Amino acid sequence: MPTLFRFSLVALTLCAACGAPQPPAEEPVAPPAAAAPAPLLPTLQDEVRTLLRPRMARHGKDLADLWGAMRADDRPAVARIARQVAEEPRLARPLGEAADDTLNATVPPAFFEFQDALAARAAALAEAAESDDGARLAPAFNALADACARCHASYFRVE
């Protein structure tokens, strides 16, 4: 089974396993907008996938390391790893017509939104790990894993 596919399955499993149990609703409630399935998006070009592959492999390792640090209640490690993810260089959005001939111009705009969500959620996880409020840690980790899963649901393909 390809590594990225396994990572997606692990991320989704972690999202489900780490969530706090919710009390049953008295009436059926529509799921929040964030739970809606990802729309079909334009695909990433093979050149972009080639550039992203090492980063995605690193993110898979980072998520596994974060999970291990969470289980060990090693908050300094959680904060350090999450900060690395939050602060890593990102693909730049193309600016103006002068950038139309760049590889970044081939990247769908939604990808940049996923990339920004990943960075913001990783930063939030680092802040939660550095805080005295342990109740923030699991939801912040779940939000980070959810960002990974949503992007993979939109762009991941088995090769």
N, C-alpha and C. Protein backbone atom coordinates (compact mmCIF):
# COMPACT_ATOMS: atom_id res chain seq x y z
N MET A 1 0.85 -1.16 0.00
CA MET A 1 0.00 0.00 0.00
C MET A 1 0.90 1.23 0.00
N PRO A 2 0.70 2.20 -0.90
CA PRO A 2 1.57 3.38 -0.96
C PRO A 2 1.56 4.14 0.37
N THR A 3 2.69 4.73 0.67
CA THR A 3 2.88 5.43 1.93
C THR A 3 1.87 6.55 2.13
N LEU A 4 1.63 7.37 1.11
CA LEU A 4 0.71 8.48 1.26
C LEU A 4 -0.71 7.99 1.51
N PHE A 5 -1.09 6.88 0.89
CA PHE A 5 -2.42 6.32 1.11
C PHE A 5 -2.54 5.86 2.56
N ARG A 6 -1.50 5.18 3.04
CA ARG A 6 -1.51 4.74 4.43
C ARG A 6 -1.57 5.94 5.37
N PHE A 7 -0.82 6.99 5.04
CA PHE A 7 -0.84 8.20 5.86
C PHE A 7 -2.25 8.78 5.92
N SER A 8 -2.94 8.80 4.78
CA SER A 8 -4.30 9.33 4.76
C SER A 8 -5.21 8.51 5.66
N LEU A 9 -5.07 7.19 5.59
CA LEU A 9 -5.89 6.33 6.44
C LEU A 9 -5.57 6.56 7.91
N VAL A 10 -4.29 6.69 8.23
CA VAL A 10 -3.89 6.94 9.62
C VAL A 10 -4.44 8.28 10.09
N ALA A 11 -4.32 9.31 9.26
CA ALA A 11 -4.81 10.64 9.64
C ALA A 11 -6.30 10.61 9.90
N LEU A 12 -7.05 9.96 9.03
CA LEU A 12 -8.50 9.89 9.23
C LEU A 12 -8.84 9.09 10.48
N THR A 13 -8.11 8.01 10.72
CA THR A 13 -8.35 7.20 11.91
C THR A 13 -8.05 8.01 13.17
N LEU A 14 -6.95 8.76 13.13
CA LEU A 14 -6.59 9.58 14.29
C LEU A 14 -7.63 10.65 14.55
N CYS A 15 -8.16 11.25 13.49
CA CYS A 15 -9.20 12.26 13.66
C CYS A 15 -10.40 11.66 14.39
N ALA A 16 -10.79 10.47 13.97
CA ALA A 16 -11.95 9.82 14.58
C ALA A 16 -11.64 9.37 16.00
N ALA A 17 -10.45 8.83 16.22
CA ALA A 17 -10.11 8.25 17.52
C ALA A 17 -9.86 9.31 18.58
N CYS A 18 -9.37 10.48 18.19
CA CYS A 18 -8.98 11.48 19.18
C CYS A 18 -10.11 12.42 19.56
N GLY A 19 -11.18 12.41 18.82
CA GLY A 19 -12.27 13.33 19.09
C GLY A 19 -12.92 13.03 20.43
N ALA A 20 -13.27 14.08 21.12
CA ALA A 20 -13.97 13.90 22.39
C ALA A 20 -15.38 13.43 22.11
N PRO A 21 -15.91 12.52 22.93
CA PRO A 21 -17.28 12.07 22.69
C PRO A 21 -18.25 13.22 22.84
N GLN A 22 -19.21 13.27 21.96
CA GLN A 22 -20.21 14.32 21.98
C GLN A 22 -21.51 13.76 22.55
N PRO A 23 -22.21 14.55 23.36
CA PRO A 23 -23.50 14.07 23.85
C PRO A 23 -24.47 13.97 22.67
N PRO A 24 -25.38 13.00 22.72
CA PRO A 24 -26.32 12.86 21.61
C PRO A 24 -27.22 14.08 21.51
N ALA A 25 -27.50 14.50 20.30
CA ALA A 25 -28.37 15.64 20.07
C ALA A 25 -29.82 15.21 20.28
N GLU A 26 -30.63 16.14 20.77
CA GLU A 26 -32.04 15.82 20.98
C GLU A 26 -32.77 15.70 19.66
N GLU A 27 -32.38 16.51 18.70
CA GLU A 27 -32.98 16.47 17.38
C GLU A 27 -31.86 16.28 16.37
N PRO A 28 -32.18 15.68 15.22
CA PRO A 28 -31.14 15.58 14.20
C PRO A 28 -30.66 16.98 13.82
N VAL A 29 -29.36 17.11 13.74
CA VAL A 29 -28.75 18.39 13.41
C VAL A 29 -27.93 18.22 12.15
N ALA A 30 -28.03 19.17 11.25
CA ALA A 30 -27.23 19.11 10.03
C ALA A 30 -25.76 19.22 10.41
N PRO A 31 -24.88 18.48 9.71
CA PRO A 31 -23.46 18.58 10.03
C PRO A 31 -22.95 19.99 9.75
N PRO A 32 -21.94 20.42 10.51
CA PRO A 32 -21.39 21.75 10.25
C PRO A 32 -20.78 21.82 8.86
N ALA A 33 -20.66 23.02 8.36
CA ALA A 33 -20.13 23.21 7.00
C ALA A 33 -18.74 22.59 6.86
N ALA A 34 -17.95 22.60 7.92
CA ALA A 34 -16.59 22.06 7.85
C ALA A 34 -16.60 20.55 7.60
N ALA A 35 -17.71 19.88 7.91
CA ALA A 35 -17.77 18.43 7.73
C ALA A 35 -18.20 18.04 6.32
N ALA A 36 -18.55 19.02 5.51
CA ALA A 36 -18.99 18.71 4.15
C ALA A 36 -17.83 18.12 3.35
N PRO A 37 -18.13 17.16 2.46
CA PRO A 37 -17.05 16.58 1.67
C PRO A 37 -16.41 17.64 0.78
N ALA A 38 -15.15 17.44 0.51
CA ALA A 38 -14.41 18.38 -0.33
C ALA A 38 -14.95 18.33 -1.75
N PRO A 39 -15.08 19.49 -2.38
CA PRO A 39 -15.55 19.49 -3.77
C PRO A 39 -14.47 18.93 -4.69
N LEU A 40 -14.90 18.50 -5.86
CA LEU A 40 -13.92 18.06 -6.84
C LEU A 40 -13.14 19.27 -7.31
N LEU A 41 -11.84 19.17 -7.27
CA LEU A 41 -10.98 20.29 -7.60
C LEU A 41 -10.08 19.93 -8.77
N PRO A 42 -9.57 20.94 -9.47
CA PRO A 42 -8.61 20.64 -10.53
C PRO A 42 -7.42 19.88 -9.95
N THR A 43 -6.86 19.00 -10.74
CA THR A 43 -5.76 18.18 -10.25
C THR A 43 -4.45 18.95 -10.28
N LEU A 44 -3.51 18.45 -9.54
CA LEU A 44 -2.16 19.02 -9.54
C LEU A 44 -1.37 18.40 -10.68
N GLN A 45 -0.58 19.21 -11.36
CA GLN A 45 0.25 18.69 -12.44
C GLN A 45 1.32 17.78 -11.87
N ASP A 46 1.78 16.86 -12.71
CA ASP A 46 2.79 15.89 -12.28
C ASP A 46 4.06 16.57 -11.76
N GLU A 47 4.46 17.69 -12.37
CA GLU A 47 5.67 18.39 -11.91
C GLU A 47 5.48 18.91 -10.48
N VAL A 48 4.28 19.40 -10.19
CA VAL A 48 4.00 19.90 -8.84
C VAL A 48 3.98 18.74 -7.86
N ARG A 49 3.37 17.62 -8.25
CA ARG A 49 3.35 16.43 -7.38
C ARG A 49 4.77 15.97 -7.07
N THR A 50 5.64 16.01 -8.07
CA THR A 50 7.03 15.59 -7.86
C THR A 50 7.71 16.50 -6.84
N LEU A 51 7.44 17.79 -6.91
CA LEU A 51 8.03 18.73 -5.95
C LEU A 51 7.44 18.56 -4.55
N LEU A 52 6.16 18.20 -4.47
CA LEU A 52 5.49 18.08 -3.18
C LEU A 52 5.72 16.74 -2.50
N ARG A 53 6.07 15.72 -3.26
CA ARG A 53 6.18 14.36 -2.70
C ARG A 53 7.09 14.30 -1.46
N PRO A 54 8.31 14.86 -1.48
CA PRO A 54 9.15 14.81 -0.27
C PRO A 54 8.51 15.55 0.92
N ARG A 55 7.85 16.65 0.64
CA ARG A 55 7.19 17.41 1.70
C ARG A 55 6.06 16.60 2.32
N MET A 56 5.29 15.93 1.48
CA MET A 56 4.18 15.13 1.98
C MET A 56 4.70 13.94 2.80
N ALA A 57 5.79 13.35 2.37
CA ALA A 57 6.40 12.26 3.14
C ALA A 57 6.85 12.77 4.50
N ARG A 58 7.43 13.96 4.51
CA ARG A 58 7.87 14.58 5.77
C ARG A 58 6.66 14.87 6.67
N HIS A 59 5.58 15.36 6.07
CA HIS A 59 4.38 15.63 6.86
C HIS A 59 3.81 14.35 7.46
N GLY A 60 3.87 13.26 6.70
CA GLY A 60 3.41 11.98 7.23
C GLY A 60 4.22 11.56 8.44
N LYS A 61 5.53 11.73 8.34
CA LYS A 61 6.40 11.41 9.48
C LYS A 61 6.13 12.37 10.64
N ASP A 62 5.94 13.65 10.32
CA ASP A 62 5.66 14.63 11.37
C ASP A 62 4.36 14.29 12.11
N LEU A 63 3.33 13.90 11.36
CA LEU A 63 2.06 13.57 12.00
C LEU A 63 2.21 12.34 12.90
N ALA A 64 2.95 11.35 12.43
CA ALA A 64 3.19 10.16 13.25
C ALA A 64 4.00 10.53 14.50
N ASP A 65 5.01 11.39 14.33
CA ASP A 65 5.81 11.83 15.48
C ASP A 65 4.97 12.65 16.46
N LEU A 66 4.08 13.49 15.91
CA LEU A 66 3.19 14.27 16.77
C LEU A 66 2.29 13.34 17.58
N TRP A 67 1.75 12.33 16.91
CA TRP A 67 0.87 11.38 17.59
C TRP A 67 1.63 10.68 18.72
N GLY A 68 2.86 10.26 18.45
CA GLY A 68 3.67 9.62 19.49
C GLY A 68 3.95 10.56 20.65
N ALA A 69 4.26 11.81 20.34
CA ALA A 69 4.53 12.80 21.39
C ALA A 69 3.26 13.10 22.19
N MET A 70 2.12 13.12 21.50
CA MET A 70 0.85 13.34 22.20
C MET A 70 0.58 12.19 23.17
N ARG A 71 0.78 10.97 22.71
CA ARG A 71 0.53 9.80 23.55
C ARG A 71 1.46 9.77 24.76
N ALA A 72 2.68 10.27 24.57
CA ALA A 72 3.66 10.30 25.67
C ALA A 72 3.51 11.56 26.53
N ASP A 73 2.57 12.44 26.15
CA ASP A 73 2.38 13.72 26.83
C ASP A 73 3.68 14.52 26.86
N ASP A 74 4.40 14.47 25.73
CA ASP A 74 5.66 15.21 25.58
C ASP A 74 5.34 16.53 24.87
N ARG A 75 4.84 17.48 25.64
CA ARG A 75 4.41 18.75 25.06
C ARG A 75 5.53 19.53 24.39
N PRO A 76 6.74 19.54 24.93
CA PRO A 76 7.81 20.24 24.21
C PRO A 76 8.04 19.66 22.80
N ALA A 77 7.97 18.34 22.67
CA ALA A 77 8.14 17.72 21.35
C ALA A 77 6.97 18.08 20.44
N VAL A 78 5.75 18.06 20.98
CA VAL A 78 4.58 18.44 20.18
C VAL A 78 4.76 19.86 19.67
N ALA A 79 5.15 20.77 20.56
CA ALA A 79 5.32 22.17 20.17
C ALA A 79 6.41 22.32 19.11
N ARG A 80 7.53 21.63 19.30
CA ARG A 80 8.66 21.74 18.36
C ARG A 80 8.27 21.23 16.97
N ILE A 81 7.65 20.06 16.90
CA ILE A 81 7.29 19.48 15.60
C ILE A 81 6.21 20.32 14.93
N ALA A 82 5.22 20.74 15.70
CA ALA A 82 4.14 21.56 15.13
C ALA A 82 4.69 22.88 14.60
N ARG A 83 5.63 23.49 15.31
CA ARG A 83 6.24 24.75 14.83
C ARG A 83 7.01 24.53 13.53
N GLN A 84 7.71 23.39 13.43
CA GLN A 84 8.43 23.10 12.19
C GLN A 84 7.46 23.05 11.01
N VAL A 85 6.32 22.40 11.20
CA VAL A 85 5.32 22.31 10.14
C VAL A 85 4.77 23.70 9.83
N ALA A 86 4.44 24.46 10.87
CA ALA A 86 3.85 25.78 10.68
C ALA A 86 4.79 26.75 9.97
N GLU A 87 6.08 26.61 10.22
CA GLU A 87 7.04 27.59 9.72
C GLU A 87 7.79 27.16 8.47
N GLU A 88 7.48 25.98 7.94
CA GLU A 88 8.21 25.55 6.75
C GLU A 88 7.82 26.42 5.55
N PRO A 89 8.74 26.58 4.61
CA PRO A 89 8.44 27.39 3.42
C PRO A 89 7.25 26.81 2.67
N ARG A 90 6.45 27.71 2.12
CA ARG A 90 5.25 27.29 1.39
C ARG A 90 5.38 27.65 -0.08
N LEU A 91 4.55 27.00 -0.89
CA LEU A 91 4.46 27.41 -2.28
C LEU A 91 3.87 28.81 -2.31
N ALA A 92 4.43 29.67 -3.15
CA ALA A 92 3.95 31.04 -3.24
C ALA A 92 2.80 31.13 -4.23
N ARG A 93 1.80 31.92 -3.85
CA ARG A 93 0.70 32.18 -4.78
C ARG A 93 1.24 33.03 -5.92
N PRO A 94 0.86 32.71 -7.15
CA PRO A 94 1.30 33.55 -8.26
C PRO A 94 0.65 34.93 -8.19
N LEU A 95 1.43 35.96 -8.46
CA LEU A 95 0.92 37.32 -8.39
C LEU A 95 0.93 37.97 -9.76
N GLY A 96 -0.23 38.24 -10.29
CA GLY A 96 -0.36 38.96 -11.54
C GLY A 96 -0.06 38.12 -12.77
N GLU A 97 -0.22 38.77 -13.91
CA GLU A 97 -0.03 38.09 -15.19
C GLU A 97 1.43 37.71 -15.43
N ALA A 98 2.35 38.42 -14.82
CA ALA A 98 3.77 38.11 -15.01
C ALA A 98 4.10 36.72 -14.49
N ALA A 99 3.30 36.20 -13.58
CA ALA A 99 3.56 34.88 -13.00
C ALA A 99 2.84 33.76 -13.75
N ASP A 100 2.12 34.09 -14.82
CA ASP A 100 1.33 33.09 -15.53
C ASP A 100 2.17 31.96 -16.11
N ASP A 101 3.46 32.20 -16.34
CA ASP A 101 4.29 31.15 -16.93
C ASP A 101 5.08 30.38 -15.86
N THR A 102 4.73 30.56 -14.60
CA THR A 102 5.42 29.84 -13.53
C THR A 102 4.68 28.55 -13.19
N LEU A 103 5.41 27.62 -12.61
CA LEU A 103 4.80 26.35 -12.19
C LEU A 103 3.74 26.60 -11.12
N ASN A 104 3.96 27.58 -10.25
CA ASN A 104 2.98 27.88 -9.21
C ASN A 104 1.64 28.32 -9.80
N ALA A 105 1.65 28.89 -11.00
CA ALA A 105 0.40 29.31 -11.63
C ALA A 105 -0.46 28.12 -12.02
N THR A 106 0.12 26.93 -12.08
CA THR A 106 -0.66 25.74 -12.42
C THR A 106 -1.34 25.13 -11.20
N VAL A 107 -0.98 25.60 -10.01
CA VAL A 107 -1.54 25.06 -8.78
C VAL A 107 -2.92 25.69 -8.55
N PRO A 108 -3.94 24.86 -8.34
CA PRO A 108 -5.29 25.40 -8.11
C PRO A 108 -5.32 26.28 -6.85
N PRO A 109 -6.09 27.36 -6.88
CA PRO A 109 -6.16 28.26 -5.72
C PRO A 109 -6.54 27.55 -4.41
N ALA A 110 -7.38 26.53 -4.49
CA ALA A 110 -7.79 25.83 -3.26
C ALA A 110 -6.60 25.17 -2.57
N PHE A 111 -5.59 24.77 -3.33
CA PHE A 111 -4.42 24.16 -2.71
C PHE A 111 -3.75 25.14 -1.75
N PHE A 112 -3.66 26.40 -2.16
CA PHE A 112 -3.04 27.41 -1.30
C PHE A 112 -3.86 27.60 -0.02
N GLU A 113 -5.18 27.48 -0.12
CA GLU A 113 -6.03 27.58 1.07
C GLU A 113 -5.75 26.41 2.02
N PHE A 114 -5.62 25.20 1.46
CA PHE A 114 -5.29 24.04 2.29
C PHE A 114 -3.92 24.24 2.94
N GLN A 115 -2.97 24.75 2.18
CA GLN A 115 -1.61 24.97 2.69
C GLN A 115 -1.64 25.97 3.85
N ASP A 116 -2.42 27.05 3.69
CA ASP A 116 -2.52 28.05 4.76
C ASP A 116 -3.21 27.47 5.99
N ALA A 117 -4.23 26.64 5.78
CA ALA A 117 -4.93 26.01 6.91
C ALA A 117 -3.98 25.10 7.67
N LEU A 118 -3.16 24.36 6.94
CA LEU A 118 -2.19 23.48 7.60
C LEU A 118 -1.25 24.29 8.49
N ALA A 119 -0.71 25.37 7.95
CA ALA A 119 0.22 26.20 8.73
C ALA A 119 -0.46 26.80 9.95
N ALA A 120 -1.67 27.31 9.78
CA ALA A 120 -2.39 27.93 10.90
C ALA A 120 -2.73 26.89 11.97
N ARG A 121 -3.15 25.71 11.55
CA ARG A 121 -3.52 24.68 12.52
C ARG A 121 -2.29 24.10 13.21
N ALA A 122 -1.18 24.01 12.50
CA ALA A 122 0.06 23.56 13.14
C ALA A 122 0.51 24.59 14.18
N ALA A 123 0.40 25.87 13.85
CA ALA A 123 0.76 26.92 14.81
C ALA A 123 -0.16 26.86 16.04
N ALA A 124 -1.45 26.60 15.81
CA ALA A 124 -2.40 26.50 16.93
C ALA A 124 -2.06 25.29 17.81
N LEU A 125 -1.62 24.19 17.20
CA LEU A 125 -1.22 23.02 17.98
C LEU A 125 0.01 23.35 18.81
N ALA A 126 0.97 24.05 18.22
CA ALA A 126 2.17 24.43 18.97
C ALA A 126 1.80 25.32 20.16
N GLU A 127 0.90 26.28 19.93
CA GLU A 127 0.46 27.16 21.02
C GLU A 127 -0.25 26.37 22.11
N ALA A 128 -1.08 25.41 21.70
CA ALA A 128 -1.80 24.58 22.68
C ALA A 128 -0.80 23.77 23.51
N ALA A 129 0.22 23.24 22.85
CA ALA A 129 1.22 22.44 23.57
C ALA A 129 2.02 23.29 24.54
N GLU A 130 2.21 24.55 24.21
CA GLU A 130 2.97 25.45 25.08
C GLU A 130 2.13 26.06 26.19
N SER A 131 0.81 25.88 26.11
CA SER A 131 -0.08 26.47 27.12
C SER A 131 -0.23 25.54 28.31
N ASP A 132 -0.87 26.05 29.34
CA ASP A 132 -1.16 25.23 30.52
C ASP A 132 -2.51 24.54 30.40
N ASP A 133 -3.21 24.76 29.29
CA ASP A 133 -4.56 24.22 29.11
C ASP A 133 -4.49 22.92 28.30
N GLY A 134 -4.40 21.80 29.00
CA GLY A 134 -4.31 20.50 28.34
C GLY A 134 -5.52 20.14 27.53
N ALA A 135 -6.66 20.75 27.82
CA ALA A 135 -7.89 20.46 27.08
C ALA A 135 -7.81 20.96 25.64
N ARG A 136 -6.90 21.87 25.34
CA ARG A 136 -6.77 22.40 23.98
C ARG A 136 -5.97 21.48 23.06
N LEU A 137 -5.19 20.59 23.64
CA LEU A 137 -4.23 19.82 22.86
C LEU A 137 -4.89 18.86 21.87
N ALA A 138 -5.77 18.00 22.32
CA ALA A 138 -6.40 17.02 21.42
C ALA A 138 -7.21 17.68 20.32
N PRO A 139 -8.05 18.69 20.62
CA PRO A 139 -8.77 19.35 19.52
C PRO A 139 -7.83 20.01 18.51
N ALA A 140 -6.73 20.57 18.98
CA ALA A 140 -5.78 21.20 18.05
C ALA A 140 -5.11 20.15 17.17
N PHE A 141 -4.77 19.00 17.75
CA PHE A 141 -4.19 17.92 16.95
C PHE A 141 -5.21 17.42 15.93
N ASN A 142 -6.46 17.24 16.36
CA ASN A 142 -7.51 16.79 15.44
C ASN A 142 -7.69 17.77 14.29
N ALA A 143 -7.64 19.06 14.59
CA ALA A 143 -7.80 20.06 13.54
C ALA A 143 -6.65 19.99 12.53
N LEU A 144 -5.44 19.75 13.02
CA LEU A 144 -4.30 19.61 12.12
C LEU A 144 -4.46 18.38 11.24
N ALA A 145 -4.80 17.25 11.83
CA ALA A 145 -5.00 16.02 11.06
C ALA A 145 -6.13 16.19 10.06
N ASP A 146 -7.16 16.94 10.43
CA ASP A 146 -8.28 17.20 9.53
C ASP A 146 -7.82 18.01 8.32
N ALA A 147 -6.93 18.97 8.54
CA ALA A 147 -6.41 19.76 7.42
C ALA A 147 -5.69 18.85 6.43
N CYS A 148 -4.90 17.91 6.94
CA CYS A 148 -4.21 16.95 6.07
C CYS A 148 -5.23 16.11 5.30
N ALA A 149 -6.20 15.59 6.02
CA ALA A 149 -7.18 14.69 5.40
C ALA A 149 -7.99 15.40 4.33
N ARG A 150 -8.37 16.65 4.55
CA ARG A 150 -9.16 17.38 3.56
C ARG A 150 -8.36 17.63 2.28
N CYS A 151 -7.11 17.98 2.42
CA CYS A 151 -6.28 18.20 1.24
C CYS A 151 -6.10 16.89 0.49
N HIS A 152 -5.82 15.83 1.22
CA HIS A 152 -5.64 14.53 0.58
C HIS A 152 -6.92 14.06 -0.09
N ALA A 153 -8.06 14.35 0.50
CA ALA A 153 -9.33 13.96 -0.12
C ALA A 153 -9.52 14.67 -1.45
N SER A 154 -8.95 15.85 -1.57
CA SER A 154 -9.09 16.62 -2.80
C SER A 154 -8.02 16.32 -3.84
N TYR A 155 -6.80 16.06 -3.40
CA TYR A 155 -5.69 15.99 -4.34
C TYR A 155 -4.92 14.68 -4.38
N PHE A 156 -5.05 13.84 -3.37
CA PHE A 156 -4.25 12.62 -3.34
C PHE A 156 -4.75 11.64 -4.38
N ARG A 157 -3.81 10.98 -5.03
CA ARG A 157 -4.17 9.90 -5.95
C ARG A 157 -3.16 8.77 -5.79
N VAL A 158 -3.65 7.57 -5.91
CA VAL A 158 -2.79 6.40 -5.81
C VAL A 158 -2.01 6.28 -7.10
N GLU A 159 -0.71 6.13 -6.99
CA GLU A 159 0.12 6.02 -8.20
C GLU A 159 0.64 4.63 -8.36
